[in-house]
């Protein structure tokens, strides 16, 4: 079964899509669209695993007052880069504008990607490279392993703008990202 793209989508604007264009997509555009290398990426339907991990992290992350948990909003990394991480920790001051649609990398402390089948390559390779190049200090990737989440945590090495692994977490995510983090990764506790 094939579905035709709407007329506005194809072939796209001359020179490709830019970050500011995401705020002006037509009303019939999908709710969650991100921009990677000037191309629009439509999000596939969310799995139960994905939804439960997002719910768990949103509830269990306890940042200090100067940071706030943000879910499914974009960060503008450059002219043709505006990905939508699943979870971010951003500066509380940056999140005060009610009409805000995207954040600056300087305001983002942590990005989290929950890997799905269709996003595996982007979440493992493309996005971490772009987040690191933009100077975002912490990156987590959460994957499904034996019906349970496993969290891979990384910290930016600023001299080379690349992420270095800080841990692989099964069952419990304990780390320090400028404040201590201790999250029970049992998604069953957030099913209701």
N, C-alpha and C. Protein backbone atom coordinates (compact mmCIF):
# COMPACT_ATOMS: atom_id res chain seq x y z
N UNK A 1 0.84 -1.18 0.00
CA UNK A 1 0.00 0.00 0.00
C UNK A 1 0.89 1.24 0.00
N UNK A 2 0.63 2.15 -0.88
CA UNK A 2 1.38 3.39 -0.91
C UNK A 2 0.44 4.55 -0.62
N UNK A 3 1.00 5.55 -0.02
CA UNK A 3 0.25 6.75 0.28
C UNK A 3 0.93 7.90 -0.42
N UNK A 4 0.15 8.71 -1.12
CA UNK A 4 0.71 9.86 -1.81
C UNK A 4 1.05 10.95 -0.81
N UNK A 5 2.18 11.59 -1.02
CA UNK A 5 2.53 12.74 -0.20
C UNK A 5 1.71 13.93 -0.65
N UNK A 6 1.40 14.85 0.24
CA UNK A 6 0.67 16.05 -0.17
C UNK A 6 1.52 16.88 -1.13
N UNK A 7 0.86 17.68 -1.92
CA UNK A 7 1.52 18.46 -2.95
C UNK A 7 2.65 19.35 -2.40
N UNK A 8 2.46 19.92 -1.21
CA UNK A 8 3.46 20.83 -0.65
C UNK A 8 4.76 20.10 -0.28
N UNK A 9 4.68 18.80 -0.06
CA UNK A 9 5.83 18.04 0.41
C UNK A 9 6.85 17.77 -0.68
N UNK A 10 6.39 17.47 -1.85
CA UNK A 10 7.28 17.02 -2.91
C UNK A 10 7.24 17.96 -4.09
N UNK A 11 8.30 18.39 -4.65
CA UNK A 11 9.67 18.01 -4.35
C UNK A 11 10.28 18.82 -3.22
N UNK A 12 9.54 19.71 -2.61
CA UNK A 12 10.10 20.56 -1.55
C UNK A 12 10.61 21.86 -2.13
N UNK A 13 11.01 22.78 -1.29
CA UNK A 13 11.47 24.08 -1.79
C UNK A 13 12.84 23.97 -2.47
N UNK A 14 13.12 24.85 -3.41
CA UNK A 14 14.44 24.86 -4.04
C UNK A 14 15.52 25.02 -2.97
N UNK A 15 16.54 24.20 -3.03
CA UNK A 15 17.62 24.28 -2.06
C UNK A 15 17.36 23.49 -0.79
N UNK A 16 16.18 22.89 -0.70
CA UNK A 16 15.86 22.08 0.48
C UNK A 16 15.17 22.87 1.58
N UNK A 17 14.72 22.14 2.55
CA UNK A 17 14.02 22.72 3.70
C UNK A 17 15.02 23.34 4.66
N UNK A 18 14.59 24.38 5.36
CA UNK A 18 15.43 24.99 6.39
C UNK A 18 14.69 24.95 7.73
N UNK A 19 15.45 25.14 8.81
CA UNK A 19 14.91 25.01 10.17
C UNK A 19 13.70 25.91 10.41
N UNK A 20 13.76 27.15 9.92
CA UNK A 20 12.65 28.07 10.17
C UNK A 20 11.38 27.68 9.41
N UNK A 21 11.50 26.90 8.35
CA UNK A 21 10.33 26.48 7.57
C UNK A 21 9.43 25.50 8.35
N UNK A 22 9.98 24.81 9.33
CA UNK A 22 9.16 23.86 10.10
C UNK A 22 8.02 24.56 10.82
N UNK A 23 8.22 25.81 11.18
CA UNK A 23 7.16 26.57 11.87
C UNK A 23 6.05 27.02 10.93
N UNK A 24 6.24 26.80 9.63
CA UNK A 24 5.27 27.29 8.65
C UNK A 24 4.75 26.19 7.73
N UNK A 25 4.81 24.95 8.19
CA UNK A 25 4.25 23.85 7.40
C UNK A 25 2.73 24.00 7.38
N UNK A 26 2.08 23.48 6.35
CA UNK A 26 0.62 23.59 6.27
C UNK A 26 -0.08 22.85 7.42
N UNK A 27 -1.32 23.19 7.68
CA UNK A 27 -2.06 22.57 8.78
C UNK A 27 -2.20 21.05 8.65
N UNK A 28 -2.14 20.52 7.43
CA UNK A 28 -2.29 19.07 7.26
C UNK A 28 -0.96 18.31 7.42
N UNK A 29 0.11 19.03 7.79
CA UNK A 29 1.40 18.37 8.01
C UNK A 29 1.34 17.51 9.27
N UNK A 30 2.10 16.43 9.30
CA UNK A 30 2.14 15.60 10.51
C UNK A 30 2.59 16.42 11.72
N UNK A 31 2.16 15.99 12.89
CA UNK A 31 2.48 16.71 14.13
C UNK A 31 3.96 16.68 14.44
N UNK A 32 4.58 15.54 14.27
CA UNK A 32 6.00 15.40 14.60
C UNK A 32 6.83 15.22 13.33
N UNK A 33 7.52 16.29 12.97
CA UNK A 33 8.40 16.31 11.79
C UNK A 33 9.71 16.89 12.25
N UNK A 34 10.81 16.24 11.84
CA UNK A 34 12.12 16.81 12.15
C UNK A 34 12.87 17.03 10.85
N UNK A 35 13.91 17.83 10.94
CA UNK A 35 14.70 18.20 9.77
C UNK A 35 16.13 17.69 9.98
N UNK A 36 16.57 16.82 9.09
CA UNK A 36 17.93 16.29 9.13
C UNK A 36 18.55 16.49 7.75
N UNK A 37 19.64 17.23 7.71
CA UNK A 37 20.34 17.51 6.45
C UNK A 37 19.42 18.09 5.38
N UNK A 38 18.50 18.93 5.79
CA UNK A 38 17.59 19.59 4.85
C UNK A 38 16.43 18.75 4.38
N UNK A 39 16.30 17.53 4.89
CA UNK A 39 15.19 16.65 4.53
C UNK A 39 14.21 16.49 5.68
N UNK A 40 12.93 16.50 5.36
CA UNK A 40 11.91 16.30 6.38
C UNK A 40 11.80 14.82 6.72
N UNK A 41 11.78 14.52 7.99
CA UNK A 41 11.62 13.15 8.48
C UNK A 41 10.29 13.08 9.22
N UNK A 42 9.40 12.26 8.71
CA UNK A 42 8.11 12.06 9.37
C UNK A 42 8.27 10.95 10.40
N UNK A 43 7.74 11.17 11.57
CA UNK A 43 7.84 10.16 12.63
C UNK A 43 6.84 9.04 12.37
N UNK A 44 7.31 7.81 12.56
CA UNK A 44 6.42 6.66 12.39
C UNK A 44 5.57 6.51 13.65
N UNK A 45 4.51 5.71 13.60
CA UNK A 45 3.70 5.52 14.81
C UNK A 45 4.56 5.01 15.97
N UNK A 46 4.29 5.53 17.13
CA UNK A 46 5.04 5.21 18.33
C UNK A 46 4.68 3.83 18.86
N UNK A 47 5.68 3.08 19.33
CA UNK A 47 5.41 1.78 19.95
C UNK A 47 5.10 1.99 21.43
N UNK A 48 4.53 0.97 22.05
CA UNK A 48 4.25 1.03 23.47
C UNK A 48 5.54 1.19 24.27
N UNK A 49 6.61 0.49 23.87
CA UNK A 49 7.90 0.63 24.54
C UNK A 49 8.35 2.08 24.53
N UNK A 50 8.29 2.72 23.38
CA UNK A 50 8.70 4.10 23.22
C UNK A 50 7.91 5.01 24.15
N UNK A 51 6.61 4.86 24.15
CA UNK A 51 5.75 5.70 24.98
C UNK A 51 6.04 5.49 26.47
N UNK A 52 6.25 4.23 26.88
CA UNK A 52 6.51 3.94 28.29
C UNK A 52 7.84 4.52 28.75
N UNK A 53 8.88 4.43 27.91
CA UNK A 53 10.18 5.00 28.27
C UNK A 53 10.07 6.51 28.40
N UNK A 54 9.37 7.17 27.48
CA UNK A 54 9.20 8.61 27.58
C UNK A 54 8.47 8.98 28.86
N UNK A 55 7.41 8.26 29.17
CA UNK A 55 6.64 8.53 30.38
C UNK A 55 7.52 8.34 31.62
N UNK A 56 8.29 7.25 31.62
CA UNK A 56 9.18 6.96 32.75
C UNK A 56 10.20 8.08 32.97
N UNK A 57 10.90 8.47 31.92
CA UNK A 57 11.92 9.51 32.05
C UNK A 57 11.32 10.86 32.41
N UNK A 58 10.17 11.17 31.83
CA UNK A 58 9.52 12.44 32.14
C UNK A 58 9.14 12.50 33.63
N UNK A 59 8.70 11.39 34.17
CA UNK A 59 8.29 11.34 35.58
C UNK A 59 9.47 11.23 36.54
N UNK A 60 10.50 10.48 36.15
CA UNK A 60 11.56 10.12 37.10
C UNK A 60 12.78 11.04 37.08
N UNK A 61 13.02 11.73 35.98
CA UNK A 61 14.15 12.67 35.97
C UNK A 61 13.84 13.82 36.91
N UNK A 62 14.75 14.11 37.80
CA UNK A 62 14.55 15.15 38.80
C UNK A 62 15.70 16.17 38.71
N UNK A 63 15.63 17.04 37.69
CA UNK A 63 16.71 18.00 37.53
C UNK A 63 16.64 19.10 38.58
N UNK A 64 17.75 19.81 38.79
CA UNK A 64 17.71 20.99 39.67
C UNK A 64 16.81 22.07 39.06
N UNK A 65 16.48 23.07 39.86
CA UNK A 65 15.51 24.09 39.45
C UNK A 65 15.88 24.83 38.17
N UNK A 66 17.15 24.92 37.84
CA UNK A 66 17.54 25.68 36.64
C UNK A 66 17.35 24.88 35.35
N UNK A 67 16.93 23.60 35.46
CA UNK A 67 16.66 22.76 34.29
C UNK A 67 15.25 22.21 34.37
N UNK A 68 14.68 21.93 33.20
CA UNK A 68 13.33 21.38 33.13
C UNK A 68 13.29 20.28 32.07
N UNK A 69 12.46 19.27 32.30
CA UNK A 69 12.29 18.16 31.35
C UNK A 69 11.33 18.62 30.25
N UNK A 70 11.74 18.44 29.01
CA UNK A 70 10.93 18.80 27.84
C UNK A 70 10.78 17.56 26.99
N UNK A 71 9.57 17.35 26.50
CA UNK A 71 9.27 16.16 25.71
C UNK A 71 8.88 16.55 24.28
N UNK A 72 9.50 15.89 23.31
CA UNK A 72 9.13 15.96 21.90
C UNK A 72 9.01 17.38 21.34
N UNK A 73 10.06 18.17 21.55
CA UNK A 73 10.19 19.47 20.90
C UNK A 73 11.53 19.46 20.15
N UNK A 74 11.70 20.39 19.24
CA UNK A 74 12.90 20.40 18.43
C UNK A 74 14.00 21.27 19.04
N UNK A 75 15.22 21.02 18.55
CA UNK A 75 16.37 21.87 18.85
C UNK A 75 16.98 22.23 17.50
N UNK A 76 17.18 23.52 17.27
CA UNK A 76 17.74 23.98 16.00
C UNK A 76 19.26 23.98 16.10
N UNK A 77 19.87 23.07 15.34
CA UNK A 77 21.32 22.89 15.37
C UNK A 77 22.02 23.66 14.26
N UNK A 78 21.28 24.09 13.27
CA UNK A 78 21.85 24.82 12.14
C UNK A 78 20.78 25.07 11.11
N UNK A 79 21.16 25.66 10.00
CA UNK A 79 20.22 26.05 8.95
C UNK A 79 19.36 24.88 8.47
N UNK A 80 19.94 23.69 8.31
CA UNK A 80 19.22 22.53 7.79
C UNK A 80 19.13 21.38 8.78
N UNK A 81 19.27 21.73 10.07
CA UNK A 81 19.24 20.70 11.12
C UNK A 81 18.30 21.13 12.24
N UNK A 82 17.20 20.41 12.38
CA UNK A 82 16.26 20.69 13.48
C UNK A 82 15.63 19.37 13.93
N UNK A 83 16.41 18.54 14.60
CA UNK A 83 15.87 17.25 15.06
C UNK A 83 14.93 17.44 16.25
N UNK A 84 14.16 16.41 16.50
CA UNK A 84 13.22 16.40 17.61
C UNK A 84 13.60 15.26 18.56
N UNK A 85 14.43 15.54 19.57
CA UNK A 85 14.74 14.50 20.54
C UNK A 85 13.47 14.07 21.28
N UNK A 86 13.50 12.86 21.80
CA UNK A 86 12.34 12.39 22.55
C UNK A 86 12.20 13.12 23.88
N UNK A 87 13.33 13.32 24.56
CA UNK A 87 13.36 14.04 25.84
C UNK A 87 14.58 14.96 25.82
N UNK A 88 14.42 16.14 26.42
CA UNK A 88 15.55 17.04 26.62
C UNK A 88 15.49 17.60 28.04
N UNK A 89 16.63 17.93 28.57
CA UNK A 89 16.71 18.80 29.74
C UNK A 89 17.20 20.13 29.21
N UNK A 90 16.41 21.17 29.44
CA UNK A 90 16.78 22.50 28.96
C UNK A 90 16.76 23.48 30.12
N UNK A 91 17.41 24.60 29.91
CA UNK A 91 17.41 25.65 30.91
C UNK A 91 15.98 26.13 31.13
N UNK A 92 15.60 26.22 32.39
CA UNK A 92 14.25 26.66 32.75
C UNK A 92 13.95 28.03 32.14
N UNK A 93 14.91 28.93 32.17
CA UNK A 93 14.71 30.27 31.62
C UNK A 93 14.38 30.22 30.13
N UNK A 94 14.95 29.27 29.41
CA UNK A 94 14.70 29.16 27.96
C UNK A 94 13.30 28.62 27.67
N UNK A 95 12.71 27.93 28.62
CA UNK A 95 11.41 27.30 28.40
C UNK A 95 10.24 28.17 28.85
N UNK A 96 10.47 29.43 29.11
CA UNK A 96 9.42 30.31 29.64
C UNK A 96 8.49 30.88 28.57
N UNK A 97 8.94 30.92 27.32
CA UNK A 97 8.09 31.48 26.25
C UNK A 97 7.03 30.47 25.85
N UNK A 98 5.78 30.80 26.00
CA UNK A 98 4.69 29.88 25.71
C UNK A 98 4.58 29.55 24.22
N UNK A 99 5.01 30.44 23.34
CA UNK A 99 4.93 30.20 21.91
C UNK A 99 6.18 29.59 21.30
N UNK A 100 7.15 29.25 22.12
CA UNK A 100 8.41 28.69 21.64
C UNK A 100 8.19 27.36 20.91
N UNK A 101 8.87 27.16 19.79
CA UNK A 101 8.74 25.90 19.05
C UNK A 101 10.04 25.12 18.94
N UNK A 102 11.15 25.74 19.29
CA UNK A 102 12.45 25.09 19.18
C UNK A 102 13.41 25.71 20.19
N UNK A 103 14.43 24.95 20.54
CA UNK A 103 15.43 25.43 21.49
C UNK A 103 16.77 25.61 20.79
N UNK A 104 17.64 26.44 21.37
CA UNK A 104 19.01 26.61 20.91
C UNK A 104 19.88 25.56 21.61
N UNK A 105 20.90 25.05 20.96
CA UNK A 105 21.78 24.07 21.59
C UNK A 105 22.37 24.55 22.91
N UNK A 106 22.67 25.84 23.02
CA UNK A 106 23.25 26.38 24.25
C UNK A 106 22.31 26.25 25.45
N UNK A 107 21.02 26.08 25.18
CA UNK A 107 20.03 25.94 26.26
C UNK A 107 19.75 24.49 26.62
N UNK A 108 20.34 23.55 25.88
CA UNK A 108 20.06 22.13 26.08
C UNK A 108 21.20 21.47 26.84
N UNK A 109 20.87 20.80 27.93
CA UNK A 109 21.85 20.12 28.78
C UNK A 109 21.95 18.63 28.44
N UNK A 110 20.84 18.03 28.05
CA UNK A 110 20.76 16.59 27.77
C UNK A 110 19.75 16.35 26.67
N UNK A 111 20.09 15.46 25.74
CA UNK A 111 19.11 14.95 24.77
C UNK A 111 19.03 13.44 24.93
N UNK A 112 17.81 12.92 24.80
CA UNK A 112 17.57 11.49 24.91
C UNK A 112 16.82 11.04 23.67
N UNK A 113 17.31 9.98 23.05
CA UNK A 113 16.63 9.35 21.93
C UNK A 113 16.24 7.94 22.33
N UNK A 114 14.97 7.61 22.14
CA UNK A 114 14.48 6.25 22.36
C UNK A 114 14.41 5.61 20.98
N UNK A 115 15.18 4.57 20.79
CA UNK A 115 15.37 3.98 19.46
C UNK A 115 14.16 3.14 19.07
N UNK A 116 13.72 3.35 17.83
CA UNK A 116 12.70 2.48 17.23
C UNK A 116 13.32 1.84 15.99
N UNK A 117 12.64 0.90 15.44
CA UNK A 117 13.16 0.17 14.28
C UNK A 117 13.53 1.13 13.15
N UNK A 118 12.65 2.07 12.85
CA UNK A 118 12.90 2.96 11.72
C UNK A 118 13.90 4.07 12.02
N UNK A 119 14.17 4.34 13.29
CA UNK A 119 15.08 5.44 13.62
C UNK A 119 16.47 4.97 14.07
N UNK A 120 16.71 3.68 14.04
CA UNK A 120 17.95 3.11 14.61
C UNK A 120 19.21 3.81 14.10
N UNK A 121 19.38 3.91 12.80
CA UNK A 121 20.59 4.52 12.24
C UNK A 121 20.70 6.00 12.62
N UNK A 122 19.61 6.73 12.52
CA UNK A 122 19.63 8.15 12.90
C UNK A 122 19.98 8.32 14.37
N UNK A 123 19.38 7.49 15.24
CA UNK A 123 19.58 7.63 16.69
C UNK A 123 20.95 7.15 17.15
N UNK A 124 21.54 6.21 16.43
CA UNK A 124 22.85 5.69 16.82
C UNK A 124 24.01 6.48 16.22
N UNK A 125 23.81 7.05 15.05
CA UNK A 125 24.93 7.65 14.32
C UNK A 125 24.70 9.13 13.98
N UNK A 126 23.67 9.39 13.20
CA UNK A 126 23.46 10.73 12.65
C UNK A 126 23.21 11.77 13.73
N UNK A 127 22.21 11.54 14.55
CA UNK A 127 21.84 12.54 15.55
C UNK A 127 22.92 12.77 16.61
N UNK A 128 23.53 11.72 17.19
CA UNK A 128 24.57 11.99 18.17
C UNK A 128 25.71 12.85 17.61
N UNK A 129 26.09 12.60 16.39
CA UNK A 129 27.15 13.39 15.76
C UNK A 129 26.75 14.86 15.66
N UNK A 130 25.50 15.10 15.29
CA UNK A 130 25.03 16.48 15.14
C UNK A 130 24.87 17.16 16.50
N UNK A 131 24.36 16.43 17.49
CA UNK A 131 24.23 17.00 18.84
C UNK A 131 25.61 17.35 19.40
N UNK A 132 26.58 16.46 19.21
CA UNK A 132 27.93 16.71 19.72
C UNK A 132 28.56 17.92 19.01
N UNK A 133 28.41 17.99 17.70
CA UNK A 133 28.96 19.13 16.94
C UNK A 133 28.36 20.45 17.41
N UNK A 134 27.10 20.41 17.87
CA UNK A 134 26.43 21.62 18.35
C UNK A 134 26.80 21.95 19.79
N UNK A 135 27.55 21.05 20.47
CA UNK A 135 28.02 21.33 21.81
C UNK A 135 27.09 20.91 22.94
N UNK A 136 26.09 20.06 22.66
CA UNK A 136 25.19 19.59 23.72
C UNK A 136 25.96 18.59 24.59
N UNK A 137 26.00 18.87 25.88
CA UNK A 137 26.92 18.18 26.79
C UNK A 137 26.62 16.70 27.03
N UNK A 138 25.36 16.32 27.11
CA UNK A 138 25.02 14.93 27.44
C UNK A 138 24.03 14.34 26.43
N UNK A 139 24.23 13.07 26.13
CA UNK A 139 23.37 12.33 25.20
C UNK A 139 23.11 10.95 25.77
N UNK A 140 21.83 10.54 25.77
CA UNK A 140 21.46 9.18 26.15
C UNK A 140 20.69 8.55 25.00
N UNK A 141 20.94 7.28 24.80
CA UNK A 141 20.18 6.49 23.82
C UNK A 141 19.59 5.31 24.56
N UNK A 142 18.28 5.10 24.41
CA UNK A 142 17.60 4.01 25.10
C UNK A 142 17.08 3.04 24.06
N UNK A 143 17.44 1.77 24.22
CA UNK A 143 17.03 0.74 23.27
C UNK A 143 16.31 -0.39 24.00
N UNK A 144 15.57 -1.16 23.24
CA UNK A 144 14.87 -2.33 23.75
C UNK A 144 15.79 -3.54 23.65
N UNK A 145 15.95 -4.24 24.79
CA UNK A 145 16.79 -5.43 24.84
C UNK A 145 16.08 -6.45 25.74
N UNK A 146 15.71 -7.59 25.17
CA UNK A 146 15.01 -8.63 25.93
C UNK A 146 13.78 -8.07 26.65
N UNK A 147 13.00 -7.27 25.94
CA UNK A 147 11.77 -6.65 26.45
C UNK A 147 11.99 -5.67 27.60
N UNK A 148 13.19 -5.18 27.77
CA UNK A 148 13.51 -4.20 28.81
C UNK A 148 14.37 -3.09 28.21
N UNK A 149 14.29 -1.89 28.80
CA UNK A 149 15.14 -0.81 28.31
C UNK A 149 16.59 -0.97 28.75
N UNK A 150 17.49 -0.60 27.87
CA UNK A 150 18.90 -0.46 28.22
C UNK A 150 19.30 0.95 27.78
N UNK A 151 19.93 1.68 28.70
CA UNK A 151 20.30 3.08 28.43
C UNK A 151 21.81 3.19 28.24
N UNK A 152 22.19 3.79 27.14
CA UNK A 152 23.58 4.06 26.83
C UNK A 152 23.79 5.55 27.08
N UNK A 153 24.74 5.90 27.95
CA UNK A 153 24.94 7.30 28.30
C UNK A 153 26.29 7.79 27.80
N UNK A 154 26.31 9.07 27.41
CA UNK A 154 27.50 9.67 26.80
C UNK A 154 27.68 11.09 27.31
N UNK A 155 28.94 11.53 27.32
CA UNK A 155 29.26 12.91 27.66
C UNK A 155 30.16 13.50 26.58
N UNK A 156 29.96 14.76 26.31
CA UNK A 156 30.72 15.45 25.27
C UNK A 156 32.17 15.66 25.70
N UNK A 157 33.10 15.32 24.82
CA UNK A 157 34.50 15.68 24.97
C UNK A 157 34.66 16.93 24.13
N UNK A 158 34.70 18.11 24.77
CA UNK A 158 34.59 19.36 24.00
C UNK A 158 35.73 19.64 23.04
N UNK A 159 36.92 19.13 23.30
CA UNK A 159 38.06 19.43 22.41
C UNK A 159 37.85 18.84 21.02
N UNK A 160 37.17 17.69 20.94
CA UNK A 160 36.96 17.05 19.64
C UNK A 160 35.49 17.04 19.23
N UNK A 161 34.63 17.60 20.09
CA UNK A 161 33.18 17.64 19.83
C UNK A 161 32.64 16.26 19.46
N UNK A 162 32.92 15.31 20.33
CA UNK A 162 32.44 13.94 20.14
C UNK A 162 32.01 13.40 21.50
N UNK A 163 31.06 12.48 21.48
CA UNK A 163 30.59 11.88 22.72
C UNK A 163 31.45 10.69 23.11
N UNK A 164 31.76 10.62 24.40
CA UNK A 164 32.45 9.47 24.96
C UNK A 164 31.45 8.71 25.83
N UNK A 165 31.47 7.38 25.76
CA UNK A 165 30.52 6.60 26.57
C UNK A 165 30.83 6.73 28.06
N UNK A 166 29.78 6.86 28.86
CA UNK A 166 29.94 6.92 30.31
C UNK A 166 29.28 5.72 30.99
N UNK A 167 28.52 4.92 30.23
CA UNK A 167 27.94 3.74 30.85
C UNK A 167 26.87 3.07 30.00
N UNK A 168 26.63 1.81 30.35
CA UNK A 168 25.52 1.03 29.79
C UNK A 168 24.71 0.59 31.00
N UNK A 169 23.43 0.94 31.02
CA UNK A 169 22.61 0.77 32.21
C UNK A 169 21.42 -0.14 31.94
N UNK A 170 21.37 -1.23 32.69
CA UNK A 170 20.24 -2.15 32.63
C UNK A 170 19.62 -2.18 34.02
N UNK A 171 18.31 -2.08 34.08
CA UNK A 171 17.62 -2.14 35.36
C UNK A 171 17.58 -0.81 36.08
N UNK A 172 18.70 -0.12 36.16
CA UNK A 172 18.76 1.15 36.86
C UNK A 172 19.78 2.05 36.17
N UNK A 173 19.41 3.30 35.97
CA UNK A 173 20.29 4.28 35.35
C UNK A 173 20.83 5.18 36.46
N UNK A 174 22.10 4.97 36.80
CA UNK A 174 22.78 5.81 37.80
C UNK A 174 23.96 6.49 37.13
N UNK A 175 23.94 7.81 37.15
CA UNK A 175 25.02 8.58 36.54
C UNK A 175 25.02 9.98 37.14
N UNK A 176 25.94 10.79 36.71
CA UNK A 176 26.00 12.18 37.14
C UNK A 176 26.14 13.03 35.89
N UNK A 177 25.24 13.97 35.71
CA UNK A 177 25.28 14.87 34.56
C UNK A 177 25.28 16.32 35.04
N UNK A 178 26.07 16.55 36.08
CA UNK A 178 26.07 17.86 36.74
C UNK A 178 25.17 17.83 37.96
N UNK A 179 24.40 16.79 38.10
CA UNK A 179 23.59 16.46 39.26
C UNK A 179 23.39 14.95 39.22
N UNK A 180 23.18 14.33 40.38
CA UNK A 180 23.04 12.87 40.38
C UNK A 180 21.71 12.42 39.75
N UNK A 181 21.78 11.35 38.97
CA UNK A 181 20.60 10.75 38.36
C UNK A 181 20.51 9.31 38.85
N UNK A 182 19.32 8.91 39.28
CA UNK A 182 19.07 7.54 39.71
C UNK A 182 17.65 7.19 39.28
N UNK A 183 17.53 6.46 38.18
CA UNK A 183 16.22 6.12 37.61
C UNK A 183 16.08 4.61 37.52
N UNK A 184 15.04 4.09 38.14
CA UNK A 184 14.67 2.68 38.00
C UNK A 184 14.10 2.53 36.59
N UNK A 185 14.69 1.69 35.76
CA UNK A 185 14.27 1.55 34.37
C UNK A 185 13.13 0.55 34.17
N UNK A 186 12.40 0.25 35.20
CA UNK A 186 11.27 -0.67 35.12
C UNK A 186 10.06 0.08 34.52
N UNK A 187 9.78 -0.16 33.23
CA UNK A 187 8.68 0.54 32.59
C UNK A 187 7.31 0.05 33.05
N UNK A 188 7.26 -1.12 33.70
CA UNK A 188 5.97 -1.64 34.18
C UNK A 188 5.33 -0.70 35.19
N UNK A 189 6.14 0.04 35.93
CA UNK A 189 5.58 0.92 36.96
C UNK A 189 4.89 2.15 36.38
N UNK A 190 5.03 2.41 35.08
CA UNK A 190 4.37 3.58 34.48
C UNK A 190 3.31 3.18 33.45
N UNK A 191 2.90 1.93 33.49
CA UNK A 191 1.88 1.47 32.52
C UNK A 191 0.52 2.08 32.77
N UNK A 192 0.26 2.53 33.98
CA UNK A 192 -1.06 3.12 34.30
C UNK A 192 -0.97 4.60 34.45
